[in-house]
C-alpha atoms as a PDB file:
ATOM      1  CA  UNK A   1     114.986 127.106  76.579  1.00  0.00           C
ATOM      2  CA  UNK A   2     118.493 126.619  76.515  1.00  0.00           C
ATOM      3  CA  UNK A   3     120.191 125.095  73.726  1.00  0.00           C
ATOM      4  CA  UNK A   4     121.203 121.157  73.928  1.00  0.00           C
ATOM      5  CA  UNK A   5     124.746 122.560  73.977  1.00  0.00           C
ATOM      6  CA  UNK A   6     123.881 124.377  77.179  1.00  0.00           C
ATOM      7  CA  UNK A   7     121.885 122.292  79.232  1.00  0.00           C
ATOM      8  CA  UNK A   8     122.675 121.064  82.822  1.00  0.00           C
ATOM      9  CA  UNK A   9     124.066 117.781  82.865  1.00  0.00           C
ATOM     10  CA  UNK A  10     123.212 115.063  85.306  1.00  0.00           C
ATOM     11  CA  UNK A  11     125.682 111.797  86.014  1.00  0.00           C
ATOM     12  CA  UNK A  12     124.329 108.645  87.517  1.00  0.00           C
ATOM     13  CA  UNK A  13     124.857 107.254  90.728  1.00  0.00           C
ATOM     14  CA  UNK A  14     126.881 104.437  91.275  1.00  0.00           C
ATOM     15  CA  UNK A  15     124.871 103.158  94.454  1.00  0.00           C
ATOM     16  CA  UNK A  16     122.059 104.877  96.342  1.00  0.00           C
ATOM     17  CA  UNK A  17     123.380 107.244  98.859  1.00  0.00           C
ATOM     18  CA  UNK A  18     121.326 107.598 101.761  1.00  0.00           C
ATOM     19  CA  UNK A  19     117.682 108.913 102.013  1.00  0.00           C
ATOM     20  CA  UNK A  20     116.222 110.188  98.626  1.00  0.00           C
ATOM     21  CA  UNK A  21     113.173 112.582  98.993  1.00  0.00           C
ATOM     22  CA  UNK A  22     110.121 111.516  96.863  1.00  0.00           C
ATOM     23  CA  UNK A  23     109.461 113.051  93.530  1.00  0.00           C
ATOM     24  CA  UNK A  24     107.579 116.204  93.753  1.00  0.00           C
ATOM     25  CA  UNK A  25     103.785 115.873  92.848  1.00  0.00           C
ATOM     26  CA  UNK A  26     104.272 111.789  92.576  1.00  0.00           C
ATOM     27  CA  UNK A  27     101.174 109.849  93.003  1.00  0.00           C
ATOM     28  CA  UNK A  28     101.288 106.071  93.801  1.00  0.00           C
ATOM     29  CA  UNK A  29      99.461 102.821  94.061  1.00  0.00           C
ATOM     30  CA  UNK A  30      95.589 102.671  93.682  1.00  0.00           C
ATOM     31  CA  UNK A  31      94.933 106.140  92.547  1.00  0.00           C
ATOM     32  CA  UNK A  32      97.424 105.615  89.636  1.00  0.00           C
ATOM     33  CA  UNK A  33      96.124 102.287  88.507  1.00  0.00           C
ATOM     34  CA  UNK A  34      92.795 103.862  88.482  1.00  0.00           C
ATOM     35  CA  UNK A  35      93.383 106.988  86.299  1.00  0.00           C
ATOM     36  CA  UNK A  36      95.682 104.918  84.079  1.00  0.00           C
ATOM     37  CA  UNK A  37      93.352 102.244  83.564  1.00  0.00           C
ATOM     38  CA  UNK A  38      92.727 103.279  79.785  1.00  0.00           C
ATOM     39  CA  UNK A  39      96.591 102.797  79.324  1.00  0.00           C
ATOM     40  CA  UNK A  40      97.299  99.182  80.368  1.00  0.00           C
ATOM     41  CA  UNK A  41      95.937  97.218  77.584  1.00  0.00           C
ATOM     42  CA  UNK A  42      97.779  99.560  74.999  1.00  0.00           C
ATOM     43  CA  UNK A  43     101.310  99.422  77.039  1.00  0.00           C
ATOM     44  CA  UNK A  44     101.068  95.696  77.138  1.00  0.00           C
ATOM     45  CA  UNK A  45     100.073  95.266  73.306  1.00  0.00           C
ATOM     46  CA  UNK A  46     103.017  97.856  72.712  1.00  0.00           C
ATOM     47  CA  UNK A  47     105.265  95.341  74.491  1.00  0.00           C
ATOM     48  CA  UNK A  48     104.628  92.091  72.644  1.00  0.00           C
ATOM     49  CA  UNK A  49     107.362  92.301  70.336  1.00  0.00           C
ATOM     50  CA  UNK A  50     109.985  93.747  73.061  1.00  0.00           C
ATOM     51  CA  UNK A  51     109.081  90.530  75.263  1.00  0.00           C
ATOM     52  CA  UNK A  52     108.594  88.079  72.139  1.00  0.00           C
ATOM     53  CA  UNK A  53     104.903  87.106  73.498  1.00  0.00           C
ATOM     54  CA  UNK A  54     101.497  88.874  73.671  1.00  0.00           C
ATOM     55  CA  UNK A  55     100.108  90.105  76.840  1.00  0.00           C
ATOM     56  CA  UNK A  56      97.000  91.758  76.402  1.00  0.00           C
ATOM     57  CA  UNK A  57      95.178  89.620  73.942  1.00  0.00           C
ATOM     58  CA  UNK A  58      93.782  90.744  70.486  1.00  0.00           C
ATOM     59  CA  UNK A  59      95.029  93.789  68.844  1.00  0.00           C
ATOM     60  CA  UNK A  60      92.839  95.333  65.795  1.00  0.00           C
ATOM     61  CA  UNK A  61      94.397  95.074  62.403  1.00  0.00           C
ATOM     62  CA  UNK A  62      94.289  98.826  62.184  1.00  0.00           C
ATOM     63  CA  UNK A  63      96.295  99.386  65.381  1.00  0.00           C
ATOM     64  CA  UNK A  64     100.198  99.764  65.481  1.00  0.00           C
ATOM     65  CA  UNK A  65     102.628  99.195  68.117  1.00  0.00           C
ATOM     66  CA  UNK A  66     106.271  99.664  66.847  1.00  0.00           C
ATOM     67  CA  UNK A  67     109.467 100.326  68.460  1.00  0.00           C
ATOM     68  CA  UNK A  68     113.131 101.580  67.672  1.00  0.00           C
ATOM     69  CA  UNK A  69     115.953 102.624  69.813  1.00  0.00           C
ATOM     70  CA  UNK A  70     118.678 101.098  72.236  1.00  0.00           C
ATOM     71  CA  UNK A  71     118.264  97.435  73.320  1.00  0.00           C
ATOM     72  CA  UNK A  72     120.379  96.336  76.393  1.00  0.00           C
ATOM     73  CA  UNK A  73     122.014  92.816  76.357  1.00  0.00           C
ATOM     74  CA  UNK A  74     121.409  90.855  79.286  1.00  0.00           C
ATOM     75  CA  UNK A  75     125.504  90.599  80.373  1.00  0.00           C
ATOM     76  CA  UNK A  76     124.826  88.867  83.923  1.00  0.00           C
ATOM     77  CA  UNK A  77     125.772  91.501  85.977  1.00  0.00           C
ATOM     78  CA  UNK A  78     123.351  94.478  85.105  1.00  0.00           C
ATOM     79  CA  UNK A  79     122.315  96.607  87.940  1.00  0.00           C
ATOM     80  CA  UNK A  80     120.856  99.548  86.320  1.00  0.00           C
ATOM     81  CA  UNK A  81     120.189 102.072  83.496  1.00  0.00           C
ATOM     82  CA  UNK A  82     120.255 105.862  82.886  1.00  0.00           C
ATOM     83  CA  UNK A  83     119.149 108.175  80.259  1.00  0.00           C
ATOM     84  CA  UNK A  84     118.111 111.853  79.734  1.00  0.00           C
ATOM     85  CA  UNK A  85     114.644 111.863  77.844  1.00  0.00           C
ATOM     86  CA  UNK A  86     112.600 114.354  75.946  1.00  0.00           C
ATOM     87  CA  UNK A  87     109.516 115.274  77.833  1.00  0.00           C
ATOM     88  CA  UNK A  88     106.809 117.556  76.219  1.00  0.00           C
ATOM     89  CA  UNK A  89     104.199 119.831  77.787  1.00  0.00           C
ATOM     90  CA  UNK A  90     102.280 120.040  74.510  1.00  0.00           C
ATOM     91  CA  UNK A  91     101.982 116.803  73.224  1.00  0.00           C
ATOM     92  CA  UNK A  92      98.062 115.691  73.374  1.00  0.00           C
ATOM     93  CA  UNK A  93      97.189 112.789  70.922  1.00  0.00           C
ATOM     94  CA  UNK A  94      94.107 113.793  69.480  1.00  0.00           C
ATOM     95  CA  UNK A  95      92.569 109.930  68.763  1.00  0.00           C
ATOM     96  CA  UNK A  96      91.568 108.296  72.023  1.00  0.00           C
ATOM     97  CA  UNK A  97      93.169 105.187  70.541  1.00  0.00           C
ATOM     98  CA  UNK A  98      96.684 106.498  70.679  1.00  0.00           C
ATOM     99  CA  UNK A  99      99.136 106.284  73.247  1.00  0.00           C
ATOM    100  CA  UNK A 100     102.562 107.508  73.189  1.00  0.00           C
ATOM    101  CA  UNK A 101     105.292 105.909  75.414  1.00  0.00           C
ATOM    102  CA  UNK A 102     108.472 107.709  74.241  1.00  0.00           C
ATOM    103  CA  UNK A 103     110.950 107.186  75.496  1.00  0.00           C
ATOM    104  CA  UNK A 104     110.745 104.001  77.709  1.00  0.00           C
ATOM    105  CA  UNK A 105     113.495 102.944  79.830  1.00  0.00           C
ATOM    106  CA  UNK A 106     114.015  99.537  81.199  1.00  0.00           C
ATOM    107  CA  UNK A 107     117.150  97.986  82.794  1.00  0.00           C
ATOM    108  CA  UNK A 108     118.323  94.469  81.773  1.00  0.00           C
ATOM    109  CA  UNK A 109     119.055  92.161  84.621  1.00  0.00           C
ATOM    110  CA  UNK A 110     115.220  91.696  85.476  1.00  0.00           C
ATOM    111  CA  UNK A 111     114.327  95.144  86.588  1.00  0.00           C
ATOM    112  CA  UNK A 112     111.205  95.491  88.388  1.00  0.00           C
ATOM    113  CA  UNK A 113     110.400  98.849  86.889  1.00  0.00           C
ATOM    114  CA  UNK A 114     110.102 100.506  83.640  1.00  0.00           C
ATOM    115  CA  UNK A 115     109.994 104.352  83.553  1.00  0.00           C
ATOM    116  CA  UNK A 116     107.997 105.612  80.495  1.00  0.00           C
ATOM    117  CA  UNK A 117     107.113 108.881  78.950  1.00  0.00           C
ATOM    118  CA  UNK A 118     103.399 109.141  78.412  1.00  0.00           C
ATOM    119  CA  UNK A 119     101.206 111.093  76.053  1.00  0.00           C
ATOM    120  CA  UNK A 120      97.482 110.274  75.688  1.00  0.00           C
ATOM    121  CA  UNK A 121      94.588 112.736  74.766  1.00  0.00           C
ATOM    122  CA  UNK A 122      94.289 113.378  78.539  1.00  0.00           C
ATOM    123  CA  UNK A 123      97.963 112.792  80.126  1.00  0.00           C
ATOM    124  CA  UNK A 124     101.377 113.709  79.737  1.00  0.00           C
ATOM    125  CA  UNK A 125     103.304 112.368  82.523  1.00  0.00           C
ATOM    126  CA  UNK A 126     106.406 110.374  83.498  1.00  0.00           C
ATOM    127  CA  UNK A 127     105.097 106.975  85.040  1.00  0.00           C
ATOM    128  CA  UNK A 128     106.611 103.920  86.607  1.00  0.00           C
ATOM    129  CA  UNK A 129     105.167 100.474  85.517  1.00  0.00           C
ATOM    130  CA  UNK A 130     105.859  97.600  88.202  1.00  0.00           C
ATOM    131  CA  UNK A 131     106.898  94.471  86.340  1.00  0.00           C
ATOM    132  CA  UNK A 132     107.382  92.237  89.339  1.00  0.00           C
ATOM    133  CA  UNK A 133     103.899  92.758  91.151  1.00  0.00           C
ATOM    134  CA  UNK A 134     100.794  94.473  90.112  1.00  0.00           C
ATOM    135  CA  UNK A 135     102.057  94.456  86.270  1.00  0.00           C
ATOM    136  CA  UNK A 136     100.448  98.145  86.007  1.00  0.00           C
ATOM    137  CA  UNK A 137     101.444 101.517  86.387  1.00  0.00           C
ATOM    138  CA  UNK A 138     102.175 102.253  89.886  1.00  0.00           C
ATOM    139  CA  UNK A 139     103.706 105.917  89.763  1.00  0.00           C
ATOM    140  CA  UNK A 140     102.814 108.852  87.945  1.00  0.00           C
ATOM    141  CA  UNK A 141     103.958 112.397  87.889  1.00  0.00           C
ATOM    142  CA  UNK A 142     102.636 115.216  85.590  1.00  0.00           C
ATOM    143  CA  UNK A 143     104.657 116.631  82.985  1.00  0.00           C
ATOM    144  CA  UNK A 144     103.663 120.405  83.796  1.00  0.00           C
ATOM    145  CA  UNK A 145     105.211 123.716  84.863  1.00  0.00           C
ATOM    146  CA  UNK A 146     106.005 122.227  88.475  1.00  0.00           C
ATOM    147  CA  UNK A 147     108.014 119.345  86.891  1.00  0.00           C
ATOM    148  CA  UNK A 148     110.127 121.602  84.191  1.00  0.00           C
ATOM    149  CA  UNK A 149     110.957 123.593  86.580  1.00  0.00           C
ATOM    150  CA  UNK A 150     112.330 121.011  88.844  1.00  0.00           C
ATOM    151  CA  UNK A 151     113.167 117.966  86.683  1.00  0.00           C
ATOM    152  CA  UNK A 152     113.989 119.419  83.219  1.00  0.00           C
ATOM    153  CA  UNK A 153     117.552 120.398  82.264  1.00  0.00           C
ATOM    154  CA  UNK A 154     116.543 123.658  80.368  1.00  0.00           C
ATOM    155  CA  UNK A 155     116.468 122.097  77.015  1.00  0.00           C
ATOM    156  CA  UNK A 156     113.195 119.854  77.444  1.00  0.00           C
ATOM    157  CA  UNK A 157     114.598 116.936  78.894  1.00  0.00           C
ATOM    158  CA  UNK A 158     114.530 114.879  82.402  1.00  0.00           C
ATOM    159  CA  UNK A 159     116.876 112.326  83.522  1.00  0.00           C
ATOM    160  CA  UNK A 160     116.052 109.172  85.107  1.00  0.00           C
ATOM    161  CA  UNK A 161     117.856 106.305  86.949  1.00  0.00           C
ATOM    162  CA  UNK A 162     116.661 102.838  87.585  1.00  0.00           C
ATOM    163  CA  UNK A 163     119.080 101.081  89.903  1.00  0.00           C
ATOM    164  CA  UNK A 164     119.155  97.653  91.750  1.00  0.00           C
ATOM    165  CA  UNK A 165     119.774  98.654  95.045  1.00  0.00           C
ATOM    166  CA  UNK A 166     120.176  95.161  96.735  1.00  0.00           C
ATOM    167  CA  UNK A 167     118.632  91.599  96.564  1.00  0.00           C
ATOM    168  CA  UNK A 168     115.935  91.982  94.250  1.00  0.00           C
ATOM    169  CA  UNK A 169     114.909  95.678  94.833  1.00  0.00           C
ATOM    170  CA  UNK A 170     115.022  98.014  92.263  1.00  0.00           C
ATOM    171  CA  UNK A 171     114.445 101.999  92.424  1.00  0.00           C
ATOM    172  CA  UNK A 172     113.590 104.319  89.883  1.00  0.00           C
ATOM    173  CA  UNK A 173     114.799 108.005  90.300  1.00  0.00           C
ATOM    174  CA  UNK A 174     114.436 111.373  88.769  1.00  0.00           C
ATOM    175  CA  UNK A 175     117.214 113.852  88.969  1.00  0.00           C
ATOM    176  CA  UNK A 176     116.191 117.313  90.403  1.00  0.00           C
ATOM    177  CA  UNK A 177     118.135 119.868  88.608  1.00  0.00           C
ATOM    178  CA  UNK A 178     117.140 122.351  91.315  1.00  0.00           C
ATOM    179  CA  UNK A 179     118.379 120.519  94.328  1.00  0.00           C
ATOM    180  CA  UNK A 180     121.199 118.552  92.336  1.00  0.00           C
ATOM    181  CA  UNK A 181     119.917 115.405  93.870  1.00  0.00           C
ATOM    182  CA  UNK A 182     118.217 112.257  92.807  1.00  0.00           C
ATOM    183  CA  UNK A 183     114.376 111.878  94.200  1.00  0.00           C
ATOM    184  CA  UNK A 184     112.590 108.603  94.328  1.00  0.00           C
ATOM    185  CA  UNK A 185     109.719 107.878  91.601  1.00  0.00           C
ATOM    186  CA  UNK A 186     109.395 104.289  92.734  1.00  0.00           C
ATOM    187  CA  UNK A 187     110.384 101.338  94.428  1.00  0.00           C
ATOM    188  CA  UNK A 188     109.502  97.368  93.771  1.00  0.00           C
ATOM    189  CA  UNK A 189     111.173  94.178  94.566  1.00  0.00           C
ATOM    190  CA  UNK A 190     110.406  90.786  93.353  1.00  0.00           C
ATOM    191  CA  UNK A 191     110.856  88.731  89.896  1.00  0.00           C
ATOM    192  CA  UNK A 192     110.284  90.531  86.718  1.00  0.00           C
ATOM    193  CA  UNK A 193     107.943  89.325  84.250  1.00  0.00           C
ATOM    194  CA  UNK A 194     109.597  91.060  81.658  1.00  0.00           C
ATOM    195  CA  UNK A 195     112.659  89.138  81.354  1.00  0.00           C
ATOM    196  CA  UNK A 196     116.415  89.979  81.454  1.00  0.00           C
ATOM    197  CA  UNK A 197     117.240  92.232  78.277  1.00  0.00           C
ATOM    198  CA  UNK A 198     116.455  96.053  78.557  1.00  0.00           C
ATOM    199  CA  UNK A 199     115.674  98.915  76.182  1.00  0.00           C
ATOM    200  CA  UNK A 200     115.326 102.563  76.011  1.00  0.00           C
ATOM    201  CA  UNK A 201     113.225 103.071  72.889  1.00  0.00           C
ATOM    202  CA  UNK A 202     110.766 104.825  70.978  1.00  0.00           C
ATOM    203  CA  UNK A 203     107.344 103.562  71.053  1.00  0.00           C
ATOM    204  CA  UNK A 204     103.525 104.026  70.352  1.00  0.00           C
ATOM    205  CA  UNK A 205     100.421 102.302  70.328  1.00  0.00           C
ATOM    206  CA  UNK A 206      98.118 104.116  67.641  1.00  0.00           C
ATOM    207  CA  UNK A 207      95.142 103.610  65.475  1.00  0.00           C
ATOM    208  CA  UNK A 208      95.424 104.279  61.944  1.00  0.00           C
ATOM    209  CA  UNK A 209      93.700 106.664  59.692  1.00  0.00           C
ATOM    210  CA  UNK A 210      91.610 105.963  56.638  1.00  0.00           C
ATOM    211  CA  UNK A 211      94.867 107.278  54.637  1.00  0.00           C
ATOM    212  CA  UNK A 212      96.910 104.842  56.228  1.00  0.00           C
ATOM    213  CA  UNK A 213      98.838 107.112  58.311  1.00  0.00           C
ATOM    214  CA  UNK A 214      98.941 106.834  62.092  1.00  0.00           C
ATOM    215  CA  UNK A 215      97.292 109.022  64.036  1.00  0.00           C
ATOM    216  CA  UNK A 216     100.461 109.620  66.311  1.00  0.00           C
ATOM    217  CA  UNK A 217     102.054 111.002  63.115  1.00  0.00           C
ATOM    218  CA  UNK A 218     100.339 114.258  63.514  1.00  0.00           C
ATOM    219  CA  UNK A 219     100.383 114.334  67.378  1.00  0.00           C
ATOM    220  CA  UNK A 220     104.522 113.916  67.075  1.00  0.00           C
ATOM    221  CA  UNK A 221     104.568 116.344  63.722  1.00  0.00           C
ATOM    222  CA  UNK A 222     107.383 118.914  64.155  1.00  0.00           C
ATOM    223  CA  UNK A 223     108.702 117.723  67.626  1.00  0.00           C
ATOM    224  CA  UNK A 224     111.655 116.128  68.839  1.00  0.00           C
ATOM    225  CA  UNK A 225     111.616 113.103  70.704  1.00  0.00           C
ATOM    226  CA  UNK A 226     115.141 111.363  71.979  1.00  0.00           C
ATOM    227  CA  UNK A 227     117.009 109.850  74.557  1.00  0.00           C
ATOM    228  CA  UNK A 228     120.721 110.797  75.228  1.00  0.00           C
ATOM    229  CA  UNK A 229     123.582 110.077  77.523  1.00  0.00           C
ATOM    230  CA  UNK A 230     122.250 106.219  77.824  1.00  0.00           C
ATOM    231  CA  UNK A 231     124.191 104.230  80.153  1.00  0.00           C
ATOM    232  CA  UNK A 232     124.232 100.920  81.774  1.00  0.00           C
ATOM    233  CA  UNK A 233     125.457  99.824  85.104  1.00  0.00           C
ATOM    234  CA  UNK A 234     127.572  96.600  84.846  1.00  0.00           C
ATOM    235  CA  UNK A 235     128.731  95.314  88.152  1.00  0.00           C
ATOM    236  CA  UNK A 236     128.530  98.557  89.717  1.00  0.00           C
ATOM    237  CA  UNK A 237     130.328 100.452  87.212  1.00  0.00           C
ATOM    238  CA  UNK A 238     128.342 102.878  84.469  1.00  0.00           C
ATOM    239  CA  UNK A 239     129.210 102.270  80.825  1.00  0.00           C
ATOM    240  CA  UNK A 240     127.998 103.998  77.947  1.00  0.00           C
ATOM    241  CA  UNK A 241     125.659 102.018  75.860  1.00  0.00           C
ATOM    242  CA  UNK A 242     127.619 100.723  73.110  1.00  0.00           C
ATOM    243  CA  UNK A 243     128.158  97.545  70.903  1.00  0.00           C
ATOM    244  CA  UNK A 244     128.982  95.046  73.389  1.00  0.00           C
ATOM    245  CA  UNK A 245     126.352  95.869  75.692  1.00  0.00           C
ATOM    246  CA  UNK A 246     123.756  96.957  73.415  1.00  0.00           C
ATOM    247  CA  UNK A 247     122.028  96.500  70.173  1.00  0.00           C
ATOM    248  CA  UNK A 248     118.821  97.271  68.038  1.00  0.00           C
ATOM    249  CA  UNK A 249     117.209  94.059  68.069  1.00  0.00           C
ATOM    250  CA  UNK A 250     113.641  95.209  69.109  1.00  0.00           C
ATOM    251  CA  UNK A 251     113.792  97.492  66.132  1.00  0.00           C
ATOM    252  CA  UNK A 252     110.541  97.174  63.832  1.00  0.00           C
ATOM    253  CA  UNK A 253     111.428  99.278  61.146  1.00  0.00           C
ATOM    254  CA  UNK A 254     110.591 102.930  60.041  1.00  0.00           C
ATOM    255  CA  UNK A 255     107.686 101.396  57.647  1.00  0.00           C
ATOM    256  CA  UNK A 256     106.206 100.074  60.958  1.00  0.00           C
ATOM    257  CA  UNK A 257     105.597 103.514  62.173  1.00  0.00           C
ATOM    258  CA  UNK A 258     103.023 104.325  58.879  1.00  0.00           C
ATOM    259  CA  UNK A 259     104.319 107.973  59.311  1.00  0.00           C
ATOM    260  CA  UNK A 260     105.892 109.443  56.134  1.00  0.00           C
ATOM    261  CA  UNK A 261     107.287 112.633  57.960  1.00  0.00           C
ATOM    262  CA  UNK A 262     108.710 110.367  60.708  1.00  0.00           C
ATOM    263  CA  UNK A 263     112.347 110.654  60.798  1.00  0.00           C
ATOM    264  CA  UNK A 264     114.829 108.468  62.811  1.00  0.00           C
ATOM    265  CA  UNK A 265     118.406 108.457  63.723  1.00  0.00           C
ATOM    266  CA  UNK A 266     120.591 106.400  66.136  1.00  0.00           C
ATOM    267  CA  UNK A 267     122.751 109.625  66.522  1.00  0.00           C
ATOM    268  CA  UNK A 268     125.529 107.754  68.586  1.00  0.00           C
ATOM    269  CA  UNK A 269     125.659 104.134  68.803  1.00  0.00           C
ATOM    270  CA  UNK A 270     123.822 103.271  71.254  1.00  0.00           C
ATOM    271  CA  UNK A 271     123.682 105.998  73.609  1.00  0.00           C
ATOM    272  CA  UNK A 272     121.855 108.593  71.726  1.00  0.00           C
ATOM    273  CA  UNK A 273     118.741 108.031  69.402  1.00  0.00           C
ATOM    274  CA  UNK A 274     116.447 110.749  68.178  1.00  0.00           C
ATOM    275  CA  UNK A 275     113.114 111.002  66.431  1.00  0.00           C
ATOM    276  CA  UNK A 276     111.532 113.999  64.650  1.00  0.00           C
ATOM    277  CA  UNK A 277     108.187 113.651  63.955  1.00  0.00           C
END
């Protein structure tokens, strides 16, 4: 694996430039809804703080769902979000009640799509959640050797862009480092049920052990999770996430992760955050 300094670099598209091939290995629709059925409630519960309202009902007192990272301010002309995000093939939560959604990206401006990096005891995948229509996971690609060879930058991260392409249509792309082009993960149109602010955050849903520590703590131990090069598209111009277009309004605080070994840092305000488990 290359060092971060040697990693390949992707830059965002200003507009969708013609035809894009599909992400290699992507699944969509009913098949995705079926195999992610066990994740749906935890994803909605984990987003309760981000959206300011509960979505999936009662959450057990011994379950946590914290978040920390970059929040995108609704500037009124938001048209997309972009980030290079960590992806691991060896993160396998041992507890069936634990799902790690880290990083997860959602553009301000009422995006229909959220792109999230998902780790469960059976799944390691990059997935697209549709906030406009099914309100469910609608696209998924496994983080495996094929994904690493095409979509990772040589330093354990992939690049994703969510872009408003016209009207109320949003498209999520992954950058293919082999072909040096953006491939389509998922497309959706409509009105978002997630509001008009956005985020790129470290989020998880986990049960607590008898010692008060999160099960996710051991799952993430010694591994780095981060989002870097975070940008927002304002009126067709890409800008680094920074004071003025971003803040940390969704941060729930380090203690809320119930993980004594966890180390979190906003490396560069607000376009690079990093967590070491």
